[in-house]
PDB file of N, CA and C in Angstrom:
ATOM      1  N   UNK A   1     -86.850 -71.904 174.329  1.00  0.00           N
ATOM      2  CA  UNK A   1     -87.273 -71.379 176.234  1.00  0.00           C
ATOM      3  C   UNK A   1     -87.145 -70.261 176.728  1.00  0.00           C
ATOM      4  N   UNK A   2     -88.864 -69.730 177.186  1.00  0.00           N
ATOM      5  CA  UNK A   2     -88.903 -68.485 178.109  1.00  0.00           C
ATOM      6  C   UNK A   2     -88.381 -68.731 179.137  1.00  0.00           C
ATOM      7  N   UNK A   3     -87.663 -67.674 179.607  1.00  0.00           N
ATOM      8  CA  UNK A   3     -86.972 -67.415 181.429  1.00  0.00           C
ATOM      9  C   UNK A   3     -88.424 -67.418 181.947  1.00  0.00           C
ATOM     10  N   UNK A   4     -88.044 -67.861 182.982  1.00  0.00           N
ATOM     11  CA  UNK A   4     -89.550 -67.974 184.296  1.00  0.00           C
ATOM     12  C   UNK A   4     -89.567 -66.933 184.936  1.00  0.00           C
ATOM     13  N   UNK A   5     -90.287 -66.887 186.146  1.00  0.00           N
ATOM     14  CA  UNK A   5     -90.338 -65.427 186.922  1.00  0.00           C
ATOM     15  C   UNK A   5     -89.317 -65.110 187.390  1.00  0.00           C
ATOM     16  N   UNK A   6     -88.716 -66.623 188.173  1.00  0.00           N
ATOM     17  CA  UNK A   6     -87.901 -65.791 189.174  1.00  0.00           C
ATOM     18  C   UNK A   6     -86.154 -65.254 188.525  1.00  0.00           C
ATOM     19  N   UNK A   7     -86.009 -65.773 186.939  1.00  0.00           N
ATOM     20  CA  UNK A   7     -84.565 -65.332 186.543  1.00  0.00           C
ATOM     21  C   UNK A   7     -85.155 -63.833 185.963  1.00  0.00           C
ATOM     22  N   UNK A   8     -86.444 -63.162 185.343  1.00  0.00           N
ATOM     23  CA  UNK A   8     -86.720 -62.225 185.231  1.00  0.00           C
ATOM     24  C   UNK A   8     -86.881 -61.294 186.636  1.00  0.00           C
ATOM     25  N   UNK A   9     -87.127 -61.653 187.950  1.00  0.00           N
ATOM     26  CA  UNK A   9     -86.869 -60.521 188.879  1.00  0.00           C
ATOM     27  C   UNK A   9     -85.145 -60.788 189.208  1.00  0.00           C
ATOM     28  N   UNK A  10     -84.465 -61.499 188.555  1.00  0.00           N
ATOM     29  CA  UNK A  10     -83.135 -61.339 189.183  1.00  0.00           C
ATOM     30  C   UNK A  10     -82.434 -60.643 188.404  1.00  0.00           C
ATOM     31  N   UNK A  11     -83.495 -60.489 186.838  1.00  0.00           N
ATOM     32  CA  UNK A  11     -82.258 -59.043 185.853  1.00  0.00           C
ATOM     33  C   UNK A  11     -82.889 -58.309 186.511  1.00  0.00           C
ATOM     34  N   UNK A  12     -84.537 -58.287 186.893  1.00  0.00           N
ATOM     35  CA  UNK A  12     -84.794 -56.226 187.424  1.00  0.00           C
ATOM     36  C   UNK A  12     -83.733 -56.030 187.921  1.00  0.00           C
ATOM     37  N   UNK A  13     -82.852 -57.073 188.974  1.00  0.00           N
ATOM     38  CA  UNK A  13     -82.380 -56.505 190.267  1.00  0.00           C
ATOM     39  C   UNK A  13     -80.702 -56.007 189.510  1.00  0.00           C
ATOM     40  N   UNK A  14     -80.327 -56.577 189.382  1.00  0.00           N
ATOM     41  CA  UNK A  14     -79.050 -56.588 188.542  1.00  0.00           C
ATOM     42  C   UNK A  14     -79.344 -54.819 187.510  1.00  0.00           C
ATOM     43  N   UNK A  15     -79.716 -55.507 186.859  1.00  0.00           N
ATOM     44  CA  UNK A  15     -79.948 -54.135 185.469  1.00  0.00           C
ATOM     45  C   UNK A  15     -79.498 -53.078 185.813  1.00  0.00           C
ATOM     46  N   UNK A  16     -80.659 -52.128 186.573  1.00  0.00           N
ATOM     47  CA  UNK A  16     -80.236 -51.362 187.116  1.00  0.00           C
ATOM     48  C   UNK A  16     -79.009 -50.514 187.780  1.00  0.00           C
ATOM     49  N   UNK A  17     -78.468 -52.325 188.701  1.00  0.00           N
ATOM     50  CA  UNK A  17     -77.648 -52.177 189.499  1.00  0.00           C
ATOM     51  C   UNK A  17     -75.667 -51.228 188.472  1.00  0.00           C
ATOM     52  N   UNK A  18     -76.345 -52.388 187.249  1.00  0.00           N
ATOM     53  CA  UNK A  18     -74.932 -52.817 186.835  1.00  0.00           C
ATOM     54  C   UNK A  18     -75.134 -51.616 185.515  1.00  0.00           C
ATOM     55  N   UNK A  19     -76.074 -50.643 185.358  1.00  0.00           N
ATOM     56  CA  UNK A  19     -76.238 -49.648 184.528  1.00  0.00           C
ATOM     57  C   UNK A  19     -75.995 -48.203 184.947  1.00  0.00           C
ATOM     58  N   UNK A  20     -76.346 -48.429 186.601  1.00  0.00           N
ATOM     59  CA  UNK A  20     -75.969 -47.149 187.378  1.00  0.00           C
ATOM     60  C   UNK A  20     -73.797 -47.404 187.144  1.00  0.00           C
ATOM     61  N   UNK A  21     -74.246 -48.538 188.049  1.00  0.00           N
ATOM     62  CA  UNK A  21     -72.018 -48.643 187.766  1.00  0.00           C
ATOM     63  C   UNK A  21     -71.551 -47.919 186.545  1.00  0.00           C
ATOM     64  N   UNK A  22     -71.689 -48.597 185.464  1.00  0.00           N
ATOM     65  CA  UNK A  22     -71.284 -47.907 184.258  1.00  0.00           C
ATOM     66  C   UNK A  22     -71.075 -46.640 183.812  1.00  0.00           C
ATOM     67  N   UNK A  23     -72.639 -46.302 184.485  1.00  0.00           N
ATOM     68  CA  UNK A  23     -72.931 -45.003 183.817  1.00  0.00           C
ATOM     69  C   UNK A  23     -71.538 -44.089 185.146  1.00  0.00           C
ATOM     70  N   UNK A  24     -72.109 -44.229 186.885  1.00  0.00           N
ATOM     71  CA  UNK A  24     -70.805 -43.662 187.063  1.00  0.00           C
ATOM     72  C   UNK A  24     -69.391 -44.241 186.594  1.00  0.00           C
ATOM     73  N   UNK A  25     -68.821 -45.231 186.542  1.00  0.00           N
ATOM     74  CA  UNK A  25     -67.466 -44.971 185.584  1.00  0.00           C
ATOM     75  C   UNK A  25     -67.676 -44.280 184.253  1.00  0.00           C
ATOM     76  N   UNK A  26     -68.525 -44.252 183.913  1.00  0.00           N
ATOM     77  CA  UNK A  26     -68.407 -43.237 182.505  1.00  0.00           C
ATOM     78  C   UNK A  26     -68.277 -41.599 182.812  1.00  0.00           C
ATOM     79  N   UNK A  27     -69.422 -41.327 183.692  1.00  0.00           N
ATOM     80  CA  UNK A  27     -68.865 -39.919 184.492  1.00  0.00           C
ATOM     81  C   UNK A  27     -67.351 -39.487 185.081  1.00  0.00           C
ATOM     82  N   UNK A  28     -66.731 -40.441 185.460  1.00  0.00           N
ATOM     83  CA  UNK A  28     -66.054 -40.068 186.415  1.00  0.00           C
ATOM     84  C   UNK A  28     -64.404 -39.887 185.247  1.00  0.00           C
ATOM     85  N   UNK A  29     -64.192 -40.750 184.701  1.00  0.00           N
ATOM     86  CA  UNK A  29     -63.771 -40.727 183.372  1.00  0.00           C
ATOM     87  C   UNK A  29     -63.117 -39.814 182.104  1.00  0.00           C
ATOM     88  N   UNK A  30     -65.127 -39.703 182.427  1.00  0.00           N
ATOM     89  CA  UNK A  30     -65.199 -38.097 181.531  1.00  0.00           C
ATOM     90  C   UNK A  30     -64.451 -36.340 182.699  1.00  0.00           C
ATOM     91  N   UNK A  31     -64.726 -36.979 183.443  1.00  0.00           N
ATOM     92  CA  UNK A  31     -64.440 -35.387 184.640  1.00  0.00           C
ATOM     93  C   UNK A  31     -63.174 -35.922 184.639  1.00  0.00           C
ATOM     94  N   UNK A  32     -62.364 -36.982 184.385  1.00  0.00           N
ATOM     95  CA  UNK A  32     -60.582 -37.046 184.333  1.00  0.00           C
ATOM     96  C   UNK A  32     -59.946 -36.205 182.941  1.00  0.00           C
ATOM     97  N   UNK A  33     -60.665 -36.725 181.887  1.00  0.00           N
ATOM     98  CA  UNK A  33     -60.164 -36.763 180.895  1.00  0.00           C
ATOM     99  C   UNK A  33     -60.977 -34.929 180.352  1.00  0.00           C
ATOM    100  N   UNK A  34     -61.760 -34.409 181.085  1.00  0.00           N
ATOM    101  CA  UNK A  34     -61.900 -32.879 181.176  1.00  0.00           C
ATOM    102  C   UNK A  34     -60.806 -32.382 181.756  1.00  0.00           C
ATOM    103  N   UNK A  35     -60.111 -32.897 183.221  1.00  0.00           N
ATOM    104  CA  UNK A  35     -59.259 -32.003 183.845  1.00  0.00           C
ATOM    105  C   UNK A  35     -58.180 -32.143 183.427  1.00  0.00           C
ATOM    106  N   UNK A  36     -58.197 -33.504 182.588  1.00  0.00           N
ATOM    107  CA  UNK A  36     -56.353 -33.383 182.105  1.00  0.00           C
ATOM    108  C   UNK A  36     -56.211 -32.423 180.796  1.00  0.00           C
ATOM    109  N   UNK A  37     -57.083 -32.875 179.613  1.00  0.00           N
ATOM    110  CA  UNK A  37     -57.567 -31.371 179.036  1.00  0.00           C
ATOM    111  C   UNK A  37     -56.925 -30.295 179.285  1.00  0.00           C
ATOM    112  N   UNK A  38     -58.008 -29.449 180.407  1.00  0.00           N
ATOM    113  CA  UNK A  38     -58.142 -28.594 180.918  1.00  0.00           C
ATOM    114  C   UNK A  38     -56.469 -28.156 181.995  1.00  0.00           C
ATOM    115  N   UNK A  39     -55.075 -29.257 182.388  1.00  0.00           N
ATOM    116  CA  UNK A  39     -54.714 -28.501 183.522  1.00  0.00           C
ATOM    117  C   UNK A  39     -53.115 -28.970 182.630  1.00  0.00           C
ATOM    118  N   UNK A  40     -52.754 -29.486 180.920  1.00  0.00           N
ATOM    119  CA  UNK A  40     -52.113 -30.023 180.176  1.00  0.00           C
ATOM    120  C   UNK A  40     -51.057 -28.564 180.156  1.00  0.00           C
ATOM    121  N   UNK A  41     -51.887 -27.981 179.089  1.00  0.00           N
ATOM    122  CA  UNK A  41     -51.667 -26.532 179.029  1.00  0.00           C
ATOM    123  C   UNK A  41     -50.245 -25.913 179.889  1.00  0.00           C
ATOM    124  N   UNK A  42     -51.521 -25.519 181.215  1.00  0.00           N
ATOM    125  CA  UNK A  42     -50.921 -25.484 182.941  1.00  0.00           C
ATOM    126  C   UNK A  42     -49.606 -26.235 183.267  1.00  0.00           C
ATOM    127  N   UNK A  43     -49.081 -27.700 182.781  1.00  0.00           N
ATOM    128  CA  UNK A  43     -48.158 -27.842 183.107  1.00  0.00           C
ATOM    129  C   UNK A  43     -47.454 -27.437 182.436  1.00  0.00           C
ATOM    130  N   UNK A  44     -47.254 -27.537 180.779  1.00  0.00           N
ATOM    131  CA  UNK A  44     -46.388 -27.315 179.851  1.00  0.00           C
ATOM    132  C   UNK A  44     -46.046 -26.347 180.077  1.00  0.00           C
ATOM    133  N   UNK A  45     -46.298 -25.247 180.082  1.00  0.00           N
ATOM    134  CA  UNK A  45     -46.031 -23.963 180.863  1.00  0.00           C
ATOM    135  C   UNK A  45     -45.121 -24.004 181.712  1.00  0.00           C
ATOM    136  N   UNK A  46     -45.864 -24.372 183.189  1.00  0.00           N
ATOM    137  CA  UNK A  46     -44.966 -24.644 184.177  1.00  0.00           C
ATOM    138  C   UNK A  46     -43.627 -25.580 183.757  1.00  0.00           C
ATOM    139  N   UNK A  47     -43.645 -26.327 183.157  1.00  0.00           N
ATOM    140  CA  UNK A  47     -41.923 -26.644 182.674  1.00  0.00           C
ATOM    141  C   UNK A  47     -40.728 -25.847 182.312  1.00  0.00           C
ATOM    142  N   UNK A  48     -41.752 -25.321 181.040  1.00  0.00           N
ATOM    143  CA  UNK A  48     -40.546 -24.050 180.406  1.00  0.00           C
ATOM    144  C   UNK A  48     -39.975 -23.060 181.397  1.00  0.00           C
ATOM    145  N   UNK A  49     -41.211 -22.398 182.344  1.00  0.00           N
ATOM    146  CA  UNK A  49     -41.161 -21.931 183.118  1.00  0.00           C
ATOM    147  C   UNK A  49     -39.856 -22.132 183.794  1.00  0.00           C
ATOM    148  N   UNK A  50     -39.674 -23.732 184.640  1.00  0.00           N
ATOM    149  CA  UNK A  50     -38.999 -24.025 185.353  1.00  0.00           C
ATOM    150  C   UNK A  50     -37.251 -24.399 184.850  1.00  0.00           C
ATOM    151  N   UNK A  51     -37.226 -24.434 183.976  1.00  0.00           N
ATOM    152  CA  UNK A  51     -36.361 -24.589 182.946  1.00  0.00           C
ATOM    153  C   UNK A  51     -35.416 -23.261 182.657  1.00  0.00           C
ATOM    154  N   UNK A  52     -36.792 -22.142 182.420  1.00  0.00           N
ATOM    155  CA  UNK A  52     -36.137 -20.812 182.589  1.00  0.00           C
ATOM    156  C   UNK A  52     -35.332 -20.027 183.741  1.00  0.00           C
ATOM    157  N   UNK A  53     -36.114 -21.024 184.521  1.00  0.00           N
ATOM    158  CA  UNK A  53     -35.335 -20.428 186.114  1.00  0.00           C
ATOM    159  C   UNK A  53     -34.340 -21.150 186.533  1.00  0.00           C
ATOM    160  N   UNK A  54     -33.871 -22.325 185.748  1.00  0.00           N
ATOM    161  CA  UNK A  54     -32.638 -22.878 186.649  1.00  0.00           C
ATOM    162  C   UNK A  54     -31.592 -22.509 185.322  1.00  0.00           C
ATOM    163  N   UNK A  55     -31.848 -22.206 184.786  1.00  0.00           N
ATOM    164  CA  UNK A  55     -30.777 -21.457 183.825  1.00  0.00           C
ATOM    165  C   UNK A  55     -30.806 -20.999 184.045  1.00  0.00           C
ATOM    166  N   UNK A  56     -31.655 -18.859 184.910  1.00  0.00           N
ATOM    167  CA  UNK A  56     -31.541 -17.912 185.424  1.00  0.00           C
ATOM    168  C   UNK A  56     -30.388 -18.019 186.873  1.00  0.00           C
ATOM    169  N   UNK A  57     -30.607 -19.323 186.637  1.00  0.00           N
ATOM    170  CA  UNK A  57     -30.141 -19.438 188.650  1.00  0.00           C
ATOM    171  C   UNK A  57     -28.149 -20.501 188.790  1.00  0.00           C
ATOM    172  N   UNK A  58     -28.629 -20.323 187.548  1.00  0.00           N
ATOM    173  CA  UNK A  58     -27.010 -21.066 186.924  1.00  0.00           C
ATOM    174  C   UNK A  58     -26.078 -20.257 187.084  1.00  0.00           C
ATOM    175  N   UNK A  59     -25.373 -20.315 188.527  1.00  0.00           N
ATOM    176  CA  UNK A  59     -24.016 -19.579 188.235  1.00  0.00           C
ATOM    177  C   UNK A  59     -23.153 -18.733 187.293  1.00  0.00           C
ATOM    178  N   UNK A  60     -23.378 -20.424 185.944  1.00  0.00           N
ATOM    179  CA  UNK A  60     -22.383 -19.727 185.167  1.00  0.00           C
ATOM    180  C   UNK A  60     -23.345 -18.401 184.214  1.00  0.00           C
ATOM    181  N   UNK A  61     -24.340 -18.389 184.095  1.00  0.00           N
ATOM    182  CA  UNK A  61     -25.132 -17.652 183.382  1.00  0.00           C
ATOM    183  C   UNK A  61     -25.549 -16.561 183.984  1.00  0.00           C
ATOM    184  N   UNK A  62     -24.850 -16.099 185.177  1.00  0.00           N
ATOM    185  CA  UNK A  62     -25.739 -14.824 185.789  1.00  0.00           C
ATOM    186  C   UNK A  62     -24.223 -13.627 185.345  1.00  0.00           C
ATOM    187  N   UNK A  63     -24.730 -12.791 185.443  1.00  0.00           N
ATOM    188  CA  UNK A  63     -24.148 -11.517 185.763  1.00  0.00           C
ATOM    189  C   UNK A  63     -23.364 -11.626 186.510  1.00  0.00           C
ATOM    190  N   UNK A  64     -21.141 -11.092 186.280  1.00  0.00           N
ATOM    191  CA  UNK A  64     -20.273 -10.500 186.936  1.00  0.00           C
ATOM    192  C   UNK A  64     -20.740 -10.641 188.423  1.00  0.00           C
ATOM    193  N   UNK A  65     -20.494 -10.494 189.353  1.00  0.00           N
ATOM    194  CA  UNK A  65     -20.348 -10.995 190.502  1.00  0.00           C
ATOM    195  C   UNK A  65     -21.088 -10.998 191.256  1.00  0.00           C
ATOM    196  N   UNK A  66     -22.160 -11.438 190.835  1.00  0.00           N
ATOM    197  CA  UNK A  66     -23.745 -12.310 191.039  1.00  0.00           C
ATOM    198  C   UNK A  66     -23.950 -13.629 191.381  1.00  0.00           C
ATOM    199  N   UNK A  67     -25.115 -13.552 192.481  1.00  0.00           N
ATOM    200  CA  UNK A  67     -24.432 -15.075 193.214  1.00  0.00           C
ATOM    201  C   UNK A  67     -26.507 -15.065 193.697  1.00  0.00           C
ATOM    202  N   UNK A  68     -27.062 -14.193 193.788  1.00  0.00           N
ATOM    203  CA  UNK A  68     -28.608 -14.369 193.396  1.00  0.00           C
ATOM    204  C   UNK A  68     -28.910 -13.721 192.691  1.00  0.00           C
ATOM    205  N   UNK A  69     -30.629 -14.363 192.483  1.00  0.00           N
ATOM    206  CA  UNK A  69     -31.262 -13.266 191.668  1.00  0.00           C
ATOM    207  C   UNK A  69     -32.420 -12.509 192.133  1.00  0.00           C
ATOM    208  N   UNK A  70     -33.077 -11.423 192.091  1.00  0.00           N
ATOM    209  CA  UNK A  70     -34.050 -10.588 192.737  1.00  0.00           C
ATOM    210  C   UNK A  70     -35.302 -11.470 192.289  1.00  0.00           C
ATOM    211  N   UNK A  71     -36.317 -11.379 193.175  1.00  0.00           N
ATOM    212  CA  UNK A  71     -37.812 -12.461 192.602  1.00  0.00           C
ATOM    213  C   UNK A  71     -38.411 -11.377 191.455  1.00  0.00           C
ATOM    214  N   UNK A  72     -38.303 -10.152 191.543  1.00  0.00           N
ATOM    215  CA  UNK A  72     -39.093  -9.545 190.649  1.00  0.00           C
ATOM    216  C   UNK A  72     -38.180 -10.179 189.074  1.00  0.00           C
ATOM    217  N   UNK A  73     -36.763  -9.924 188.877  1.00  0.00           N
ATOM    218  CA  UNK A  73     -36.475  -9.782 187.758  1.00  0.00           C
ATOM    219  C   UNK A  73     -36.572 -11.261 187.771  1.00  0.00           C
ATOM    220  N   UNK A  74     -37.511 -12.449 188.187  1.00  0.00           N
ATOM    221  CA  UNK A  74     -37.649 -13.915 187.941  1.00  0.00           C
ATOM    222  C   UNK A  74     -38.685 -13.581 187.641  1.00  0.00           C
ATOM    223  N   UNK A  75     -39.470 -13.109 188.380  1.00  0.00           N
ATOM    224  CA  UNK A  75     -41.012 -12.835 188.029  1.00  0.00           C
ATOM    225  C   UNK A  75     -40.950 -12.309 186.414  1.00  0.00           C
ATOM    226  N   UNK A  76     -40.465 -11.469 186.617  1.00  0.00           N
ATOM    227  CA  UNK A  76     -40.702 -10.662 184.880  1.00  0.00           C
ATOM    228  C   UNK A  76     -39.807 -11.699 183.759  1.00  0.00           C
ATOM    229  N   UNK A  77     -39.219 -12.132 184.095  1.00  0.00           N
ATOM    230  CA  UNK A  77     -38.858 -13.137 182.614  1.00  0.00           C
ATOM    231  C   UNK A  77     -39.982 -13.948 182.960  1.00  0.00           C
ATOM    232  N   UNK A  78     -39.531 -15.151 183.467  1.00  0.00           N
ATOM    233  CA  UNK A  78     -41.276 -15.625 183.265  1.00  0.00           C
ATOM    234  C   UNK A  78     -42.329 -15.902 182.883  1.00  0.00           C
ATOM    235  N   UNK A  79     -42.260 -14.293 182.960  1.00  0.00           N
ATOM    236  CA  UNK A  79     -44.397 -13.738 183.075  1.00  0.00           C
ATOM    237  C   UNK A  79     -45.042 -14.466 183.726  1.00  0.00           C
ATOM    238  N   UNK A  80     -44.317 -14.584 185.413  1.00  0.00           N
ATOM    239  CA  UNK A  80     -45.361 -14.903 186.360  1.00  0.00           C
ATOM    240  C   UNK A  80     -45.696 -14.010 187.817  1.00  0.00           C
ATOM    241  N   UNK A  81     -46.742 -14.189 188.201  1.00  0.00           N
ATOM    242  CA  UNK A  81     -47.069 -13.718 189.756  1.00  0.00           C
ATOM    243  C   UNK A  81     -45.004 -14.316 190.612  1.00  0.00           C
ATOM    244  N   UNK A  82     -45.572 -12.811 191.256  1.00  0.00           N
ATOM    245  CA  UNK A  82     -44.466 -13.290 192.601  1.00  0.00           C
ATOM    246  C   UNK A  82     -44.849 -15.063 193.339  1.00  0.00           C
ATOM    247  N   UNK A  83     -46.185 -14.566 193.504  1.00  0.00           N
ATOM    248  CA  UNK A  83     -46.561 -16.233 194.389  1.00  0.00           C
ATOM    249  C   UNK A  83     -46.220 -17.102 193.859  1.00  0.00           C
ATOM    250  N   UNK A  84     -46.747 -17.235 191.886  1.00  0.00           N
ATOM    251  CA  UNK A  84     -46.250 -18.523 190.722  1.00  0.00           C
ATOM    252  C   UNK A  84     -44.831 -18.881 191.003  1.00  0.00           C
ATOM    253  N   UNK A  85     -43.781 -17.358 190.789  1.00  0.00           N
ATOM    254  CA  UNK A  85     -42.825 -17.515 191.077  1.00  0.00           C
ATOM    255  C   UNK A  85     -42.063 -18.809 191.957  1.00  0.00           C
ATOM    256  N   UNK A  86     -42.990 -17.879 192.962  1.00  0.00           N
ATOM    257  CA  UNK A  86     -41.872 -18.643 194.784  1.00  0.00           C
ATOM    258  C   UNK A  86     -42.117 -19.948 194.786  1.00  0.00           C
ATOM    259  N   UNK A  87     -43.253 -20.626 194.041  1.00  0.00           N
ATOM    260  CA  UNK A  87     -44.391 -22.312 194.020  1.00  0.00           C
ATOM    261  C   UNK A  87     -42.879 -22.283 192.968  1.00  0.00           C
ATOM    262  N   UNK A  88     -42.918 -22.080 191.534  1.00  0.00           N
ATOM    263  CA  UNK A  88     -41.826 -22.764 190.935  1.00  0.00           C
ATOM    264  C   UNK A  88     -40.574 -22.673 191.348  1.00  0.00           C
ATOM    265  N   UNK A  89     -39.865 -21.624 192.264  1.00  0.00           N
ATOM    266  CA  UNK A  89     -38.088 -21.950 192.927  1.00  0.00           C
ATOM    267  C   UNK A  89     -38.363 -22.866 193.599  1.00  0.00           C
ATOM    268  N   UNK A  90     -39.636 -22.992 194.462  1.00  0.00           N
ATOM    269  CA  UNK A  90     -39.797 -24.525 195.248  1.00  0.00           C
ATOM    270  C   UNK A  90     -39.401 -25.521 195.034  1.00  0.00           C
ATOM    271  N   UNK A  91     -39.938 -25.842 193.786  1.00  0.00           N
ATOM    272  CA  UNK A  91     -40.116 -26.981 193.008  1.00  0.00           C
ATOM    273  C   UNK A  91     -38.783 -27.807 192.426  1.00  0.00           C
ATOM    274  N   UNK A  92     -37.906 -25.995 191.488  1.00  0.00           N
ATOM    275  CA  UNK A  92     -36.820 -26.715 191.408  1.00  0.00           C
ATOM    276  C   UNK A  92     -35.836 -26.571 192.347  1.00  0.00           C
ATOM    277  N   UNK A  93     -36.544 -26.894 193.617  1.00  0.00           N
ATOM    278  CA  UNK A  93     -34.968 -26.436 194.972  1.00  0.00           C
ATOM    279  C   UNK A  93     -34.267 -25.504 194.889  1.00  0.00           C
ATOM    280  N   UNK A  94     -34.960 -24.198 194.800  1.00  0.00           N
ATOM    281  CA  UNK A  94     -34.221 -23.034 195.428  1.00  0.00           C
ATOM    282  C   UNK A  94     -34.555 -23.143 196.161  1.00  0.00           C
ATOM    283  N   UNK A  95     -33.836 -21.724 197.120  1.00  0.00           N
ATOM    284  CA  UNK A  95     -34.192 -20.646 198.301  1.00  0.00           C
ATOM    285  C   UNK A  95     -34.149 -19.638 198.198  1.00  0.00           C
ATOM    286  N   UNK A  96     -34.736 -18.523 199.396  1.00  0.00           N
ATOM    287  CA  UNK A  96     -34.297 -17.293 199.445  1.00  0.00           C
ATOM    288  C   UNK A  96     -33.322 -17.063 200.187  1.00  0.00           C
ATOM    289  N   UNK A  97     -32.462 -15.939 200.698  1.00  0.00           N
ATOM    290  CA  UNK A  97     -31.626 -15.388 201.217  1.00  0.00           C
ATOM    291  C   UNK A  97     -32.230 -15.620 202.588  1.00  0.00           C
ATOM    292  N   UNK A  98     -30.647 -15.363 203.504  1.00  0.00           N
ATOM    293  CA  UNK A  98     -30.819 -15.300 204.893  1.00  0.00           C
ATOM    294  C   UNK A  98     -30.391 -14.453 204.814  1.00  0.00           C
ATOM    295  N   UNK A  99     -30.551 -13.384 204.319  1.00  0.00           N
ATOM    296  CA  UNK A  99     -30.279 -12.007 204.576  1.00  0.00           C
ATOM    297  C   UNK A  99     -30.853 -11.231 204.126  1.00  0.00           C
ATOM    298  N   UNK A 100     -30.525 -10.989 202.528  1.00  0.00           N
ATOM    299  CA  UNK A 100     -30.861 -10.384 201.510  1.00  0.00           C
ATOM    300  C   UNK A 100     -32.394 -10.151 201.629  1.00  0.00           C
ATOM    301  N   UNK A 101     -33.554  -9.835 201.169  1.00  0.00           N
ATOM    302  CA  UNK A 101     -34.823 -10.212 201.008  1.00  0.00           C
ATOM    303  C   UNK A 101     -34.988 -10.113 199.580  1.00  0.00           C
ATOM    304  N   UNK A 102     -36.145 -11.042 199.164  1.00  0.00           N
ATOM    305  CA  UNK A 102     -36.485 -11.127 198.117  1.00  0.00           C
ATOM    306  C   UNK A 102     -35.773 -11.634 196.648  1.00  0.00           C
ATOM    307  N   UNK A 103     -34.540 -12.453 197.242  1.00  0.00           N
ATOM    308  CA  UNK A 103     -33.172 -13.163 195.955  1.00  0.00           C
ATOM    309  C   UNK A 103     -33.337 -14.224 196.729  1.00  0.00           C
ATOM    310  N   UNK A 104     -32.808 -15.030 194.758  1.00  0.00           N
ATOM    311  CA  UNK A 104     -33.316 -15.935 195.021  1.00  0.00           C
ATOM    312  C   UNK A 104     -31.986 -17.051 194.865  1.00  0.00           C
ATOM    313  N   UNK A 105     -31.249 -18.082 194.844  1.00  0.00           N
ATOM    314  CA  UNK A 105     -30.468 -19.446 194.776  1.00  0.00           C
ATOM    315  C   UNK A 105     -30.679 -20.684 194.979  1.00  0.00           C
ATOM    316  N   UNK A 106     -30.617 -21.366 193.589  1.00  0.00           N
ATOM    317  CA  UNK A 106     -30.406 -22.670 194.145  1.00  0.00           C
ATOM    318  C   UNK A 106     -29.623 -23.340 194.823  1.00  0.00           C
ATOM    319  N   UNK A 107     -30.580 -24.082 195.752  1.00  0.00           N
ATOM    320  CA  UNK A 107     -29.779 -24.565 197.226  1.00  0.00           C
ATOM    321  C   UNK A 107     -28.103 -25.482 196.912  1.00  0.00           C
ATOM    322  N   UNK A 108     -27.910 -25.903 195.147  1.00  0.00           N
ATOM    323  CA  UNK A 108     -26.992 -26.444 194.504  1.00  0.00           C
ATOM    324  C   UNK A 108     -25.808 -25.993 195.083  1.00  0.00           C
ATOM    325  N   UNK A 109     -26.234 -24.307 194.651  1.00  0.00           N
ATOM    326  CA  UNK A 109     -25.286 -23.692 194.296  1.00  0.00           C
ATOM    327  C   UNK A 109     -25.085 -22.896 195.802  1.00  0.00           C
ATOM    328  N   UNK A 110     -25.839 -22.529 196.380  1.00  0.00           N
ATOM    329  CA  UNK A 110     -26.737 -21.445 197.682  1.00  0.00           C
ATOM    330  C   UNK A 110     -26.907 -23.056 198.678  1.00  0.00           C
ATOM    331  N   UNK A 111     -26.283 -23.510 199.822  1.00  0.00           N
ATOM    332  CA  UNK A 111     -26.849 -24.175 201.255  1.00  0.00           C
ATOM    333  C   UNK A 111     -27.056 -23.475 201.898  1.00  0.00           C
ATOM    334  N   UNK A 112     -28.106 -24.275 202.815  1.00  0.00           N
ATOM    335  CA  UNK A 112     -28.520 -23.310 204.188  1.00  0.00           C
ATOM    336  C   UNK A 112     -26.960 -23.423 204.578  1.00  0.00           C
ATOM    337  N   UNK A 113     -26.831 -22.128 205.399  1.00  0.00           N
ATOM    338  CA  UNK A 113     -25.297 -21.863 205.935  1.00  0.00           C
ATOM    339  C   UNK A 113     -25.490 -22.939 206.830  1.00  0.00           C
ATOM    340  N   UNK A 114     -26.149 -23.700 207.212  1.00  0.00           N
ATOM    341  CA  UNK A 114     -25.943 -25.140 208.486  1.00  0.00           C
ATOM    342  C   UNK A 114     -25.921 -26.433 207.790  1.00  0.00           C
ATOM    343  N   UNK A 115     -26.031 -26.317 206.454  1.00  0.00           N
ATOM    344  CA  UNK A 115     -26.098 -27.439 205.518  1.00  0.00           C
ATOM    345  C   UNK A 115     -24.594 -27.622 204.923  1.00  0.00           C
ATOM    346  N   UNK A 116     -23.729 -26.234 204.956  1.00  0.00           N
ATOM    347  CA  UNK A 116     -23.055 -26.521 204.275  1.00  0.00           C
ATOM    348  C   UNK A 116     -21.560 -27.140 204.683  1.00  0.00           C
ATOM    349  N   UNK A 117     -20.695 -28.366 203.688  1.00  0.00           N
ATOM    350  CA  UNK A 117     -19.686 -28.680 204.311  1.00  0.00           C
ATOM    351  C   UNK A 117     -18.481 -27.920 205.164  1.00  0.00           C
ATOM    352  N   UNK A 118     -17.804 -28.527 205.727  1.00  0.00           N
ATOM    353  CA  UNK A 118     -17.017 -28.428 205.927  1.00  0.00           C
ATOM    354  C   UNK A 118     -15.518 -28.827 205.252  1.00  0.00           C
TER     355      UNK A 118
END
């Protein structure tokens, strides 16, 4: 049985629409995969840098009589710019000193003065 003219007309409308939709989904999926492949090494490096920063800001691993770490030292050790280091410090919940410039500590060990428990 051959399709009639009405069926052919309906198919000629739906086939391009479905093809465009499938092509769009494939293009978007491809872009997501490319983005993930590009960003994966950066996320891995960030994770390693955060682990190193947390270790460096652990009071038990700091030099004697030291409660803060200089941004220059932190940046040099993890091999990142100052801006990148600051971004990572905020992500691990560290804060800068309210007194000295460019020294950092974890908030859990050095809460802001208004957050200290009495």
